[in-house]
Amino acid sequence: MPAATGAHAHRLSDGKIDRAALHCPERAFVTALRVPDGDNRDWPMIKAWGRENAAELIALPSGLLVALISLAWFGRRAPAS
């Protein structure tokens, strides 16, 4: 996936299933797969991933960081300076 998206890293984590918040087809799908209800997110791993990303972003030259934030926020290239 990183090559297809241009990302340099990729992480997977379990998620949260709340059947009451799902629509009928979604409930049928998780029932068929026997997915247990509950919050199975690995918060220590998620927080560590966030710290890694923050450290990498802080290390970038400020102009590049602004361009990346603008691209993520607006979905397009930042205006040329």
PDB file of N, CA and C in Angstrom:
ATOM      1  N   MET A   1       0.802  -1.197   0.000  1.00  0.00           N
ATOM      2  CA  MET A   1       0.000   0.000   0.000  1.00  0.00           C
ATOM      3  C   MET A   1       0.848   1.266   0.000  1.00  0.00           C
ATOM      4  N   PRO A   2       1.964   1.351   0.724  1.00  0.00           N
ATOM      5  CA  PRO A   2       2.720   2.594   0.702  1.00  0.00           C
ATOM      6  C   PRO A   2       3.112   3.044  -0.708  1.00  0.00           C
ATOM      7  N   ALA A   3       3.489   2.110  -1.567  1.00  0.00           N
ATOM      8  CA  ALA A   3       3.880   2.503  -2.920  1.00  0.00           C
ATOM      9  C   ALA A   3       2.696   3.076  -3.694  1.00  0.00           C
ATOM     10  N   ALA A   4       1.526   2.533  -3.492  1.00  0.00           N
ATOM     11  CA  ALA A   4       0.343   3.003  -4.224  1.00  0.00           C
ATOM     12  C   ALA A   4      -0.124   4.372  -3.745  1.00  0.00           C
ATOM     13  N   THR A   5       0.132   4.703  -2.490  1.00  0.00           N
ATOM     14  CA  THR A   5      -0.364   5.962  -1.926  1.00  0.00           C
ATOM     15  C   THR A   5       0.704   7.033  -1.792  1.00  0.00           C
ATOM     16  N   GLY A   6       1.959   6.654  -1.951  1.00  0.00           N
ATOM     17  CA  GLY A   6       3.037   7.598  -1.750  1.00  0.00           C
ATOM     18  C   GLY A   6       3.459   7.704  -0.294  1.00  0.00           C
ATOM     19  N   ALA A   7       2.859   6.907   0.572  1.00  0.00           N
ATOM     20  CA  ALA A   7       3.213   6.920   1.992  1.00  0.00           C
ATOM     21  C   ALA A   7       4.551   6.225   2.188  1.00  0.00           C
ATOM     22  N   HIS A   8       5.228   6.553   3.255  1.00  0.00           N
ATOM     23  CA  HIS A   8       6.499   5.876   3.521  1.00  0.00           C
ATOM     24  C   HIS A   8       6.370   4.814   4.605  1.00  0.00           C
ATOM     25  N   ALA A   9       5.221   4.716   5.250  1.00  0.00           N
ATOM     26  CA  ALA A   9       5.008   3.701   6.279  1.00  0.00           C
ATOM     27  C   ALA A   9       3.527   3.352   6.339  1.00  0.00           C
ATOM     28  N   HIS A  10       3.257   2.200   6.899  1.00  0.00           N
ATOM     29  CA  HIS A  10       1.883   1.707   6.975  1.00  0.00           C
ATOM     30  C   HIS A  10       1.742   0.876   8.237  1.00  0.00           C
ATOM     31  N   ARG A  11       0.684   1.099   8.981  1.00  0.00           N
ATOM     32  CA  ARG A  11       0.416   0.318  10.187  1.00  0.00           C
ATOM     33  C   ARG A  11      -1.036  -0.160  10.160  1.00  0.00           C
ATOM     34  N   LEU A  12      -1.263  -1.335  10.697  1.00  0.00           N
ATOM     35  CA  LEU A  12      -2.615  -1.852  10.876  1.00  0.00           C
ATOM     36  C   LEU A  12      -2.868  -2.033  12.360  1.00  0.00           C
ATOM     37  N   SER A  13      -4.093  -1.791  12.757  1.00  0.00           N
ATOM     38  CA  SER A  13      -4.473  -1.967  14.150  1.00  0.00           C
ATOM     39  C   SER A  13      -5.901  -2.498  14.185  1.00  0.00           C
ATOM     40  N   ASP A  14      -6.216  -3.241  15.235  1.00  0.00           N
ATOM     41  CA  ASP A  14      -7.599  -3.663  15.423  1.00  0.00           C
ATOM     42  C   ASP A  14      -8.454  -2.424  15.640  1.00  0.00           C
ATOM     43  N   GLY A  15      -9.733  -2.579  15.504  1.00  0.00           N
ATOM     44  CA  GLY A  15     -10.624  -1.435  15.626  1.00  0.00           C
ATOM     45  C   GLY A  15     -11.671  -1.609  16.694  1.00  0.00           C
ATOM     46  N   LYS A  16     -12.748  -0.879  16.521  1.00  0.00           N
ATOM     47  CA  LYS A  16     -13.852  -0.892  17.473  1.00  0.00           C
ATOM     48  C   LYS A  16     -15.114  -1.334  16.733  1.00  0.00           C
ATOM     49  N   ILE A  17     -15.832  -2.280  17.309  1.00  0.00           N
ATOM     50  CA  ILE A  17     -17.094  -2.738  16.730  1.00  0.00           C
ATOM     51  C   ILE A  17     -18.208  -2.463  17.739  1.00  0.00           C
ATOM     52  N   ASP A  18     -19.182  -1.704  17.287  1.00  0.00           N
ATOM     53  CA  ASP A  18     -20.377  -1.415  18.080  1.00  0.00           C
ATOM     54  C   ASP A  18     -21.563  -1.754  17.178  1.00  0.00           C
ATOM     55  N   ARG A  19     -22.094  -2.949  17.324  1.00  0.00           N
ATOM     56  CA  ARG A  19     -23.161  -3.409  16.425  1.00  0.00           C
ATOM     57  C   ARG A  19     -24.359  -2.471  16.408  1.00  0.00           C
ATOM     58  N   ALA A  20     -24.642  -1.805  17.526  1.00  0.00           N
ATOM     59  CA  ALA A  20     -25.784  -0.888  17.577  1.00  0.00           C
ATOM     60  C   ALA A  20     -25.606   0.290  16.622  1.00  0.00           C
ATOM     61  N   ALA A  21     -24.370   0.618  16.293  1.00  0.00           N
ATOM     62  CA  ALA A  21     -24.103   1.745  15.396  1.00  0.00           C
ATOM     63  C   ALA A  21     -24.010   1.318  13.931  1.00  0.00           C
ATOM     64  N   LEU A  22     -24.111   0.010  13.651  1.00  0.00           N
ATOM     65  CA  LEU A  22     -23.967  -0.496  12.289  1.00  0.00           C
ATOM     66  C   LEU A  22     -25.318  -0.610  11.589  1.00  0.00           C
ATOM     67  N   HIS A  23     -25.282  -0.496  10.274  1.00  0.00           N
ATOM     68  CA  HIS A  23     -26.468  -0.744   9.463  1.00  0.00           C
ATOM     69  C   HIS A  23     -26.617  -2.254   9.270  1.00  0.00           C
ATOM     70  N   CYS A  24     -27.772  -2.697   8.831  1.00  0.00           N
ATOM     71  CA  CYS A  24     -28.079  -4.121   8.704  1.00  0.00           C
ATOM     72  C   CYS A  24     -27.016  -4.902   7.902  1.00  0.00           C
ATOM     73  N   PRO A  25     -26.610  -4.444   6.700  1.00  0.00           N
ATOM     74  CA  PRO A  25     -25.595  -5.213   5.956  1.00  0.00           C
ATOM     75  C   PRO A  25     -24.260  -5.290   6.705  1.00  0.00           C
ATOM     76  N   GLU A  26     -23.905  -4.213   7.396  1.00  0.00           N
ATOM     77  CA  GLU A  26     -22.659  -4.223   8.161  1.00  0.00           C
ATOM     78  C   GLU A  26     -22.744  -5.202   9.324  1.00  0.00           C
ATOM     79  N   ARG A  27     -23.886  -5.234  10.014  1.00  0.00           N
ATOM     80  CA  ARG A  27     -24.075  -6.192  11.114  1.00  0.00           C
ATOM     81  C   ARG A  27     -23.999  -7.621  10.593  1.00  0.00           C
ATOM     82  N   ALA A  28     -24.616  -7.870   9.439  1.00  0.00           N
ATOM     83  CA  ALA A  28     -24.579  -9.215   8.852  1.00  0.00           C
ATOM     84  C   ALA A  28     -23.139  -9.619   8.535  1.00  0.00           C
ATOM     85  N   PHE A  29     -22.364  -8.683   8.025  1.00  0.00           N
ATOM     86  CA  PHE A  29     -20.976  -8.959   7.664  1.00  0.00           C
ATOM     87  C   PHE A  29     -20.143  -9.312   8.893  1.00  0.00           C
ATOM     88  N   VAL A  30     -20.221  -8.488   9.946  1.00  0.00           N
ATOM     89  CA  VAL A  30     -19.418  -8.777  11.135  1.00  0.00           C
ATOM     90  C   VAL A  30     -19.918 -10.028  11.855  1.00  0.00           C
ATOM     91  N   THR A  31     -21.214 -10.309  11.757  1.00  0.00           N
ATOM     92  CA  THR A  31     -21.748 -11.536  12.350  1.00  0.00           C
ATOM     93  C   THR A  31     -21.223 -12.753  11.590  1.00  0.00           C
ATOM     94  N   ALA A  32     -21.227 -12.683  10.266  1.00  0.00           N
ATOM     95  CA  ALA A  32     -20.735 -13.804   9.448  1.00  0.00           C
ATOM     96  C   ALA A  32     -19.258 -14.072   9.723  1.00  0.00           C
ATOM     97  N   LEU A  33     -18.495 -13.008   9.979  1.00  0.00           N
ATOM     98  CA  LEU A  33     -17.064 -13.175  10.258  1.00  0.00           C
ATOM     99  C   LEU A  33     -16.773 -13.466  11.726  1.00  0.00           C
ATOM    100  N   ARG A  34     -17.844 -13.487  12.546  1.00  0.00           N
ATOM    101  CA  ARG A  34     -17.723 -13.732  13.992  1.00  0.00           C
ATOM    102  C   ARG A  34     -16.781 -12.726  14.662  1.00  0.00           C
ATOM    103  N   VAL A  35     -16.931 -11.470  14.274  1.00  0.00           N
ATOM    104  CA  VAL A  35     -16.129 -10.397  14.864  1.00  0.00           C
ATOM    105  C   VAL A  35     -16.734 -10.040  16.218  1.00  0.00           C
ATOM    106  N   PRO A  36     -15.926 -10.068  17.283  1.00  0.00           N
ATOM    107  CA  PRO A  36     -16.466  -9.741  18.600  1.00  0.00           C
ATOM    108  C   PRO A  36     -16.701  -8.237  18.758  1.00  0.00           C
ATOM    109  N   ASP A  37     -17.739  -7.894  19.507  1.00  0.00           N
ATOM    110  CA  ASP A  37     -17.985  -6.492  19.845  1.00  0.00           C
ATOM    111  C   ASP A  37     -16.886  -6.013  20.782  1.00  0.00           C
ATOM    112  N   GLY A  38     -16.676  -4.726  20.766  1.00  0.00           N
ATOM    113  CA  GLY A  38     -15.748  -4.140  21.726  1.00  0.00           C
ATOM    114  C   GLY A  38     -14.744  -3.230  21.063  1.00  0.00           C
ATOM    115  N   ASP A  39     -13.987  -2.565  21.905  1.00  0.00           N
ATOM    116  CA  ASP A  39     -12.938  -1.658  21.469  1.00  0.00           C
ATOM    117  C   ASP A  39     -11.618  -2.414  21.586  1.00  0.00           C
ATOM    118  N   ASN A  40     -11.109  -2.859  20.452  1.00  0.00           N
ATOM    119  CA  ASN A  40      -9.894  -3.670  20.421  1.00  0.00           C
ATOM    120  C   ASN A  40      -8.685  -2.886  19.939  1.00  0.00           C
ATOM    121  N   ARG A  41      -8.804  -1.547  19.949  1.00  0.00           N
ATOM    122  CA  ARG A  41      -7.692  -0.721  19.486  1.00  0.00           C
ATOM    123  C   ARG A  41      -6.528  -0.832  20.464  1.00  0.00           C
ATOM    124  N   ASP A  42      -5.331  -0.857  19.918  1.00  0.00           N
ATOM    125  CA  ASP A  42      -4.099  -0.946  20.704  1.00  0.00           C
ATOM    126  C   ASP A  42      -3.589   0.477  20.920  1.00  0.00           C
ATOM    127  N   TRP A  43      -4.098   1.141  21.971  1.00  0.00           N
ATOM    128  CA  TRP A  43      -3.768   2.550  22.193  1.00  0.00           C
ATOM    129  C   TRP A  43      -2.291   2.807  22.402  1.00  0.00           C
ATOM    130  N   PRO A  44      -1.547   1.975  23.124  1.00  0.00           N
ATOM    131  CA  PRO A  44      -0.101   2.238  23.231  1.00  0.00           C
ATOM    132  C   PRO A  44       0.594   2.226  21.862  1.00  0.00           C
ATOM    133  N   MET A  45       0.224   1.286  20.978  1.00  0.00           N
ATOM    134  CA  MET A  45       0.820   1.247  19.647  1.00  0.00           C
ATOM    135  C   MET A  45       0.408   2.473  18.830  1.00  0.00           C
ATOM    136  N   ILE A  46      -0.854   2.874  18.930  1.00  0.00           N
ATOM    137  CA  ILE A  46      -1.348   4.033  18.186  1.00  0.00           C
ATOM    138  C   ILE A  46      -0.632   5.298  18.647  1.00  0.00           C
ATOM    139  N   LYS A  47      -0.459   5.452  19.961  1.00  0.00           N
ATOM    140  CA  LYS A  47       0.241   6.626  20.481  1.00  0.00           C
ATOM    141  C   LYS A  47       1.704   6.630  20.061  1.00  0.00           C
ATOM    142  N   ALA A  48       2.350   5.469  20.074  1.00  0.00           N
ATOM    143  CA  ALA A  48       3.749   5.378  19.630  1.00  0.00           C
ATOM    144  C   ALA A  48       3.862   5.754  18.164  1.00  0.00           C
ATOM    145  N   TRP A  49       2.922   5.298  17.348  1.00  0.00           N
ATOM    146  CA  TRP A  49       2.903   5.629  15.922  1.00  0.00           C
ATOM    147  C   TRP A  49       2.756   7.148  15.746  1.00  0.00           C
ATOM    148  N   GLY A  50       1.886   7.758  16.527  1.00  0.00           N
ATOM    149  CA  GLY A  50       1.719   9.206  16.457  1.00  0.00           C
ATOM    150  C   GLY A  50       2.988   9.950  16.842  1.00  0.00           C
ATOM    151  N   ARG A  51       3.677   9.471  17.882  1.00  0.00           N
ATOM    152  CA  ARG A  51       4.938  10.105  18.288  1.00  0.00           C
ATOM    153  C   ARG A  51       5.991   9.963  17.200  1.00  0.00           C
ATOM    154  N   GLU A  52       6.067   8.780  16.551  1.00  0.00           N
ATOM    155  CA  GLU A  52       7.022   8.586  15.447  1.00  0.00           C
ATOM    156  C   GLU A  52       6.745   9.577  14.326  1.00  0.00           C
ATOM    157  N   ASN A  53       5.468   9.706  13.951  1.00  0.00           N
ATOM    158  CA  ASN A  53       5.112  10.639  12.876  1.00  0.00           C
ATOM    159  C   ASN A  53       5.441  12.065  13.260  1.00  0.00           C
ATOM    160  N   ALA A  54       5.142  12.439  14.489  1.00  0.00           N
ATOM    161  CA  ALA A  54       5.424  13.802  14.943  1.00  0.00           C
ATOM    162  C   ALA A  54       6.921  14.086  14.879  1.00  0.00           C
ATOM    163  N   ALA A  55       7.736  13.135  15.315  1.00  0.00           N
ATOM    164  CA  ALA A  55       9.184  13.329  15.287  1.00  0.00           C
ATOM    165  C   ALA A  55       9.689  13.497  13.857  1.00  0.00           C
ATOM    166  N   GLU A  56       9.154  12.704  12.937  1.00  0.00           N
ATOM    167  CA  GLU A  56       9.570  12.819  11.540  1.00  0.00           C
ATOM    168  C   GLU A  56       9.127  14.151  10.940  1.00  0.00           C
ATOM    169  N   LEU A  57       7.926  14.605  11.268  1.00  0.00           N
ATOM    170  CA  LEU A  57       7.440  15.875  10.737  1.00  0.00           C
ATOM    171  C   LEU A  57       8.217  17.054  11.311  1.00  0.00           C
ATOM    172  N   ILE A  58       8.547  16.992  12.589  1.00  0.00           N
ATOM    173  CA  ILE A  58       9.308  18.076  13.219  1.00  0.00           C
ATOM    174  C   ILE A  58      10.684  18.209  12.575  1.00  0.00           C
ATOM    175  N   ALA A  59      11.250  17.078  12.138  1.00  0.00           N
ATOM    176  CA  ALA A  59      12.586  17.094  11.538  1.00  0.00           C
ATOM    177  C   ALA A  59      12.597  17.651  10.115  1.00  0.00           C
ATOM    178  N   LEU A  60      11.447  17.809   9.488  1.00  0.00           N
ATOM    179  CA  LEU A  60      11.391  18.321   8.118  1.00  0.00           C
ATOM    180  C   LEU A  60      11.694  19.812   8.077  1.00  0.00           C
ATOM    181  N   PRO A  61      12.263  20.293   6.959  1.00  0.00           N
ATOM    182  CA  PRO A  61      12.402  21.739   6.802  1.00  0.00           C
ATOM    183  C   PRO A  61      11.016  22.382   6.882  1.00  0.00           C
ATOM    184  N   SER A  62      10.917  23.553   7.470  1.00  0.00           N
ATOM    185  CA  SER A  62       9.612  24.162   7.746  1.00  0.00           C
ATOM    186  C   SER A  62       8.774  24.367   6.491  1.00  0.00           C
ATOM    187  N   GLY A  63       9.375  24.720   5.369  1.00  0.00           N
ATOM    188  CA  GLY A  63       8.604  24.920   4.140  1.00  0.00           C
ATOM    189  C   GLY A  63       7.955  23.632   3.657  1.00  0.00           C
ATOM    190  N   LEU A  64       8.685  22.535   3.762  1.00  0.00           N
ATOM    191  CA  LEU A  64       8.139  21.242   3.351  1.00  0.00           C
ATOM    192  C   LEU A  64       7.022  20.822   4.285  1.00  0.00           C
ATOM    193  N   LEU A  65       7.207  21.065   5.576  1.00  0.00           N
ATOM    194  CA  LEU A  65       6.173  20.729   6.546  1.00  0.00           C
ATOM    195  C   LEU A  65       4.892  21.496   6.260  1.00  0.00           C
ATOM    196  N   VAL A  66       5.002  22.781   5.977  1.00  0.00           N
ATOM    197  CA  VAL A  66       3.827  23.590   5.650  1.00  0.00           C
ATOM    198  C   VAL A  66       3.154  23.059   4.391  1.00  0.00           C
ATOM    199  N   ALA A  67       3.931  22.686   3.380  1.00  0.00           N
ATOM    200  CA  ALA A  67       3.365  22.141   2.148  1.00  0.00           C
ATOM    201  C   ALA A  67       2.626  20.842   2.414  1.00  0.00           C
ATOM    202  N   LEU A  68       3.189  19.965   3.236  1.00  0.00           N
ATOM    203  CA  LEU A  68       2.536  18.692   3.549  1.00  0.00           C
ATOM    204  C   LEU A  68       1.245  18.902   4.314  1.00  0.00           C
ATOM    205  N   ILE A  69       1.263  19.816   5.271  1.00  0.00           N
ATOM    206  CA  ILE A  69       0.052  20.095   6.034  1.00  0.00           C
ATOM    207  C   ILE A  69      -1.015  20.682   5.120  1.00  0.00           C
ATOM    208  N   SER A  70      -0.620  21.595   4.246  1.00  0.00           N
ATOM    209  CA  SER A  70      -1.574  22.190   3.308  1.00  0.00           C
ATOM    210  C   SER A  70      -2.156  21.133   2.382  1.00  0.00           C
ATOM    211  N   LEU A  71      -1.318  20.238   1.895  1.00  0.00           N
ATOM    212  CA  LEU A  71      -1.782  19.175   1.006  1.00  0.00           C
ATOM    213  C   LEU A  71      -2.756  18.262   1.733  1.00  0.00           C
ATOM    214  N   ALA A  72      -2.429  17.902   2.961  1.00  0.00           N
ATOM    215  CA  ALA A  72      -3.323  17.027   3.728  1.00  0.00           C
ATOM    216  C   ALA A  72      -4.630  17.736   4.057  1.00  0.00           C
ATOM    217  N   TRP A  73      -4.551  19.008   4.393  1.00  0.00           N
ATOM    218  CA  TRP A  73      -5.735  19.756   4.816  1.00  0.00           C
ATOM    219  C   TRP A  73      -6.632  20.103   3.640  1.00  0.00           C
ATOM    220  N   PHE A  74      -6.024  20.615   2.559  1.00  0.00           N
ATOM    221  CA  PHE A  74      -6.821  21.111   1.430  1.00  0.00           C
ATOM    222  C   PHE A  74      -6.944  20.112   0.298  1.00  0.00           C
ATOM    223  N   GLY A  75      -6.160  19.030   0.326  1.00  0.00           N
ATOM    224  CA  GLY A  75      -6.243  18.020  -0.733  1.00  0.00           C
ATOM    225  C   GLY A  75      -5.641  18.481  -2.049  1.00  0.00           C
ATOM    226  N   ARG A  76      -4.775  19.457  -1.987  1.00  0.00           N
ATOM    227  CA  ARG A  76      -4.117  19.942  -3.207  1.00  0.00           C
ATOM    228  C   ARG A  76      -2.773  20.535  -2.812  1.00  0.00           C
ATOM    229  N   ARG A  77      -1.996  20.887  -3.806  1.00  0.00           N
ATOM    230  CA  ARG A  77      -0.690  21.478  -3.538  1.00  0.00           C
ATOM    231  C   ARG A  77      -0.839  22.839  -2.879  1.00  0.00           C
ATOM    232  N   ALA A  78       0.100  23.109  -1.997  1.00  0.00           N
ATOM    233  CA  ALA A  78       0.113  24.427  -1.357  1.00  0.00           C
ATOM    234  C   ALA A  78       0.483  25.471  -2.400  1.00  0.00           C
ATOM    235  N   PRO A  79      -0.029  26.676  -2.279  1.00  0.00           N
ATOM    236  CA  PRO A  79       0.344  27.749  -3.211  1.00  0.00           C
ATOM    237  C   PRO A  79       1.845  28.001  -3.165  1.00  0.00           C
ATOM    238  N   ALA A  80       2.409  28.328  -4.309  1.00  0.00           N
ATOM    239  CA  ALA A  80       3.840  28.606  -4.381  1.00  0.00           C
ATOM    240  C   ALA A  80       4.164  29.867  -3.597  1.00  0.00           C
ATOM    241  N   SER A  81       5.302  29.864  -2.910  1.00  0.00           N
ATOM    242  CA  SER A  81       5.685  31.041  -2.116  1.00  0.00           C
ATOM    243  C   SER A  81       6.467  32.007  -2.964  1.00  0.00           C
TER     244      SER A  81
END
